[in-house]
C-alpha atoms as a PDB file:
ATOM      1  CA  MET A   1      92.241  15.234 -59.896  1.00  0.00           C
ATOM      2  CA  PRO A   2      95.979  16.789 -59.184  1.00  0.00           C
ATOM      3  CA  TRP A   3      96.577  13.860 -56.907  1.00  0.00           C
ATOM      4  CA  ILE A   4      96.179  11.180 -59.333  1.00  0.00           C
ATOM      5  CA  SER A   5      98.878  12.294 -61.786  1.00  0.00           C
ATOM      6  CA  GLY A   6     101.127  12.858 -58.574  1.00  0.00           C
ATOM      7  CA  ALA A   7     100.416   9.182 -57.336  1.00  0.00           C
ATOM      8  CA  LEU A   8     101.225   8.096 -61.255  1.00  0.00           C
ATOM      9  CA  PHE A   9     104.166   9.888 -61.163  1.00  0.00           C
ATOM     10  CA  LEU A  10     105.222   8.233 -57.889  1.00  0.00           C
ATOM     11  CA  ILE A  11     104.441   4.716 -59.032  1.00  0.00           C
ATOM     12  CA  CYS A  12     106.539   5.204 -62.304  1.00  0.00           C
ATOM     13  CA  LEU A  13     109.473   6.280 -60.334  1.00  0.00           C
ATOM     14  CA  LEU A  14     109.412   3.320 -58.101  1.00  0.00           C
ATOM     15  CA  LEU A  15     108.881   0.956 -61.112  1.00  0.00           C
ATOM     16  CA  ILE A  16     112.108   2.842 -62.697  1.00  0.00           C
ATOM     17  CA  LEU A  17     113.774   2.551 -59.437  1.00  0.00           C
ATOM     18  CA  SER A  18     113.172  -1.090 -59.117  1.00  0.00           C
ATOM     19  CA  PHE A  19     114.019  -1.931 -62.474  1.00  0.00           C
ATOM     20  CA  ARG A  20     117.480  -0.556 -62.352  1.00  0.00           C
ATOM     21  CA  GLU A  21     118.007  -2.511 -59.293  1.00  0.00           C
ATOM     22  CA  TYR A  22     116.598  -5.722 -61.020  1.00  0.00           C
ATOM     23  CA  ILE A  23     119.224  -5.118 -63.842  1.00  0.00           C
ATOM     24  CA  LYS A  24     122.305  -4.355 -61.680  1.00  0.00           C
ATOM     25  CA  LYS A  25     121.549  -7.858 -59.908  1.00  0.00           C
ATOM     26  CA  ARG A  26     121.356  -9.601 -63.201  1.00  0.00           C
ATOM     27  CA  GLN A  27     124.520  -8.219 -64.377  1.00  0.00           C
ATOM     28  CA  LEU A  28     126.343  -9.354 -61.348  1.00  0.00           C
ATOM     29  CA  GLN A  29     124.916 -12.849 -61.606  1.00  0.00           C
ATOM     30  CA  ARG A  30     126.453 -13.033 -64.975  1.00  0.00           C
ATOM     31  CA  HIS A  31     129.664 -11.845 -64.313  1.00  0.00           C
ATOM     32  CA  ASP A  32     132.414 -14.364 -63.107  1.00  0.00           C
ATOM     33  CA  SER A  33     135.856 -13.213 -61.794  1.00  0.00           C
ATOM     34  CA  ILE A  34     138.643 -15.656 -60.803  1.00  0.00           C
ATOM     35  CA  LEU A  35     142.094 -14.728 -58.922  1.00  0.00           C
ATOM     36  CA  VAL A  36     144.979 -15.927 -60.218  1.00  0.00           C
ATOM     37  CA  GLU A  37     148.278 -15.514 -58.145  1.00  0.00           C
ATOM     38  CA  VAL A  38     151.695 -15.210 -59.659  1.00  0.00           C
ATOM     39  CA  LYS A  39     153.989 -16.326 -57.031  1.00  0.00           C
ATOM     40  CA  ASP A  40     156.388 -19.224 -56.289  1.00  0.00           C
ATOM     41  CA  PHE A  41     157.421 -19.516 -59.965  1.00  0.00           C
ATOM     42  CA  GLN A  42     153.600 -20.622 -60.477  1.00  0.00           C
ATOM     43  CA  TYR A  43     150.078 -19.356 -61.586  1.00  0.00           C
ATOM     44  CA  GLN A  44     148.081 -20.556 -58.841  1.00  0.00           C
ATOM     45  CA  PRO A  45     145.841 -22.057 -59.834  1.00  0.00           C
ATOM     46  CA  ALA A  46     147.507 -22.713 -63.101  1.00  0.00           C
ATOM     47  CA  ARG A  47     144.218 -24.022 -65.040  1.00  0.00           C
ATOM     48  CA  VAL A  48     141.361 -21.881 -65.430  1.00  0.00           C
ATOM     49  CA  LYS A  49     138.038 -22.773 -67.097  1.00  0.00           C
ATOM     50  CA  LEU A  50     135.333 -20.127 -67.659  1.00  0.00           C
ATOM     51  CA  LYS A  51     131.948 -20.326 -69.277  1.00  0.00           C
ATOM     52  CA  ALA A  52     131.682 -18.491 -72.901  1.00  0.00           C
ATOM     53  CA  SER A  53     128.192 -17.025 -72.170  1.00  0.00           C
ATOM     54  CA  LYS A  54     128.985 -15.248 -69.263  1.00  0.00           C
ATOM     55  CA  ALA A  55     131.034 -11.764 -68.865  1.00  0.00           C
ATOM     56  CA  ASN A  56     134.448 -13.410 -67.623  1.00  0.00           C
ATOM     57  CA  GLN A  57     137.451 -11.934 -66.156  1.00  0.00           C
ATOM     58  CA  ILE A  58     140.857 -13.443 -64.520  1.00  0.00           C
ATOM     59  CA  VAL A  59     142.269 -11.148 -62.108  1.00  0.00           C
ATOM     60  CA  PHE A  60     146.070 -11.652 -61.904  1.00  0.00           C
ATOM     61  CA  LEU A  61     147.938 -10.837 -58.642  1.00  0.00           C
ATOM     62  CA  ARG A  62     151.839 -10.698 -59.150  1.00  0.00           C
ATOM     63  CA  THR A  63     153.601 -10.911 -55.554  1.00  0.00           C
ATOM     64  CA  ASP A  64     156.633 -12.738 -57.127  1.00  0.00           C
ATOM     65  CA  SER A  65     159.251 -10.049 -57.729  1.00  0.00           C
ATOM     66  CA  ASN A  66     161.048 -12.360 -60.118  1.00  0.00           C
ATOM     67  CA  LEU A  67     161.301 -10.363 -63.402  1.00  0.00           C
ATOM     68  CA  CYS A  68     160.212 -13.029 -65.454  1.00  0.00           C
ATOM     69  CA  SER A  69     156.914 -12.945 -63.987  1.00  0.00           C
ATOM     70  CA  GLU A  70     156.497  -9.264 -65.519  1.00  0.00           C
ATOM     71  CA  TYR A  71     154.812 -10.340 -68.649  1.00  0.00           C
ATOM     72  CA  LEU A  72     151.993 -12.465 -69.236  1.00  0.00           C
ATOM     73  CA  LEU A  73     151.404 -13.731 -72.867  1.00  0.00           C
ATOM     74  CA  PHE A  74     148.178 -15.255 -74.503  1.00  0.00           C
ATOM     75  CA  PRO A  75     149.952 -16.294 -77.786  1.00  0.00           C
ATOM     76  CA  LYS A  76     146.699 -17.359 -79.494  1.00  0.00           C
ATOM     77  CA  LEU A  77     144.596 -14.686 -78.414  1.00  0.00           C
ATOM     78  CA  GLY A  78     147.449 -11.981 -79.465  1.00  0.00           C
ATOM     79  CA  LEU A  79     147.345 -10.666 -75.562  1.00  0.00           C
ATOM     80  CA  SER A  80     150.652  -9.291 -73.951  1.00  0.00           C
ATOM     81  CA  ILE A  81     149.786  -8.158 -70.283  1.00  0.00           C
ATOM     82  CA  ARG A  82     152.276  -6.132 -68.032  1.00  0.00           C
ATOM     83  CA  LEU A  83     151.774  -7.262 -64.630  1.00  0.00           C
ATOM     84  CA  LYS A  84     152.790  -4.863 -61.724  1.00  0.00           C
ATOM     85  CA  LEU A  85     154.051  -6.100 -58.424  1.00  0.00           C
ATOM     86  CA  ASN A  86     151.637  -6.360 -55.929  1.00  0.00           C
ATOM     87  CA  LYS A  87     148.771  -4.750 -58.015  1.00  0.00           C
ATOM     88  CA  GLN A  88     145.833  -6.393 -59.481  1.00  0.00           C
ATOM     89  CA  VAL A  89     145.413  -6.655 -63.206  1.00  0.00           C
ATOM     90  CA  SER A  90     142.097  -7.788 -64.640  1.00  0.00           C
ATOM     91  CA  VAL A  91     141.424  -9.264 -67.936  1.00  0.00           C
ATOM     92  CA  ASN A  92     138.083  -9.538 -69.495  1.00  0.00           C
ATOM     93  CA  PHE A  93     137.498 -12.722 -71.967  1.00  0.00           C
ATOM     94  CA  SER A  94     133.788 -12.768 -72.289  1.00  0.00           C
ATOM     95  CA  ALA A  95     134.641 -11.729 -75.931  1.00  0.00           C
ATOM     96  CA  TYR A  96     136.778 -14.835 -76.908  1.00  0.00           C
ATOM     97  CA  PRO A  97     135.450 -18.128 -78.515  1.00  0.00           C
ATOM     98  CA  PRO A  98     135.265 -21.467 -76.410  1.00  0.00           C
ATOM     99  CA  GLY A  99     138.529 -23.131 -76.831  1.00  0.00           C
ATOM    100  CA  GLU A 100     142.023 -24.057 -74.873  1.00  0.00           C
ATOM    101  CA  TYR A 101     144.471 -21.154 -74.523  1.00  0.00           C
ATOM    102  CA  GLU A 102     148.067 -21.534 -72.998  1.00  0.00           C
ATOM    103  CA  PHE A 103     149.391 -18.485 -71.197  1.00  0.00           C
ATOM    104  CA  TYR A 104     152.912 -17.921 -69.863  1.00  0.00           C
ATOM    105  CA  SER A 105     155.419 -15.828 -68.967  1.00  0.00           C
ATOM    106  CA  ALA A 106     157.668 -14.010 -71.147  1.00  0.00           C
ATOM    107  CA  MET A 107     160.467 -16.507 -70.797  1.00  0.00           C
ATOM    108  CA  ASN A 108     158.313 -19.492 -70.617  1.00  0.00           C
ATOM    109  CA  VAL A 109     159.045 -20.085 -66.642  1.00  0.00           C
ATOM    110  CA  TYR A 110     155.571 -19.601 -65.500  1.00  0.00           C
ATOM    111  CA  SER A 111     152.673 -21.440 -67.636  1.00  0.00           C
ATOM    112  CA  GLY A 112     148.974 -22.230 -67.158  1.00  0.00           C
ATOM    113  CA  LYS A 113     145.721 -22.946 -69.476  1.00  0.00           C
ATOM    114  CA  LEU A 114     142.543 -21.176 -69.848  1.00  0.00           C
ATOM    115  CA  THR A 115     139.526 -23.133 -71.121  1.00  0.00           C
ATOM    116  CA  ILE A 116     136.559 -21.562 -72.460  1.00  0.00           C
ATOM    117  CA  VAL A 117     133.616 -23.700 -72.811  1.00  0.00           C
END
């Protein structure tokens, strides 16, 4: 009879490990990430669309050494983000409601629009 408790333990362990893998895969499927490059005096792409029901993030990569591109502003969201040269900066947008949000550099040389639907 001790083999029955061992077998039940192994079955439970396999179920738990399988469930953990399932949860990880589901989280990856619900996560959207978009790369926006800051170069040549513009954001590329300048228009970004995200779904409100998903965990979303935009990854900004600043390759332009122009000092104007160092700060990224989302005025409606109250965000001011410093973009370091040649470093990726991730910004999570899953907590914000649907709408259109303009973003631009500190001197408004670079500009773009985020749409959350």
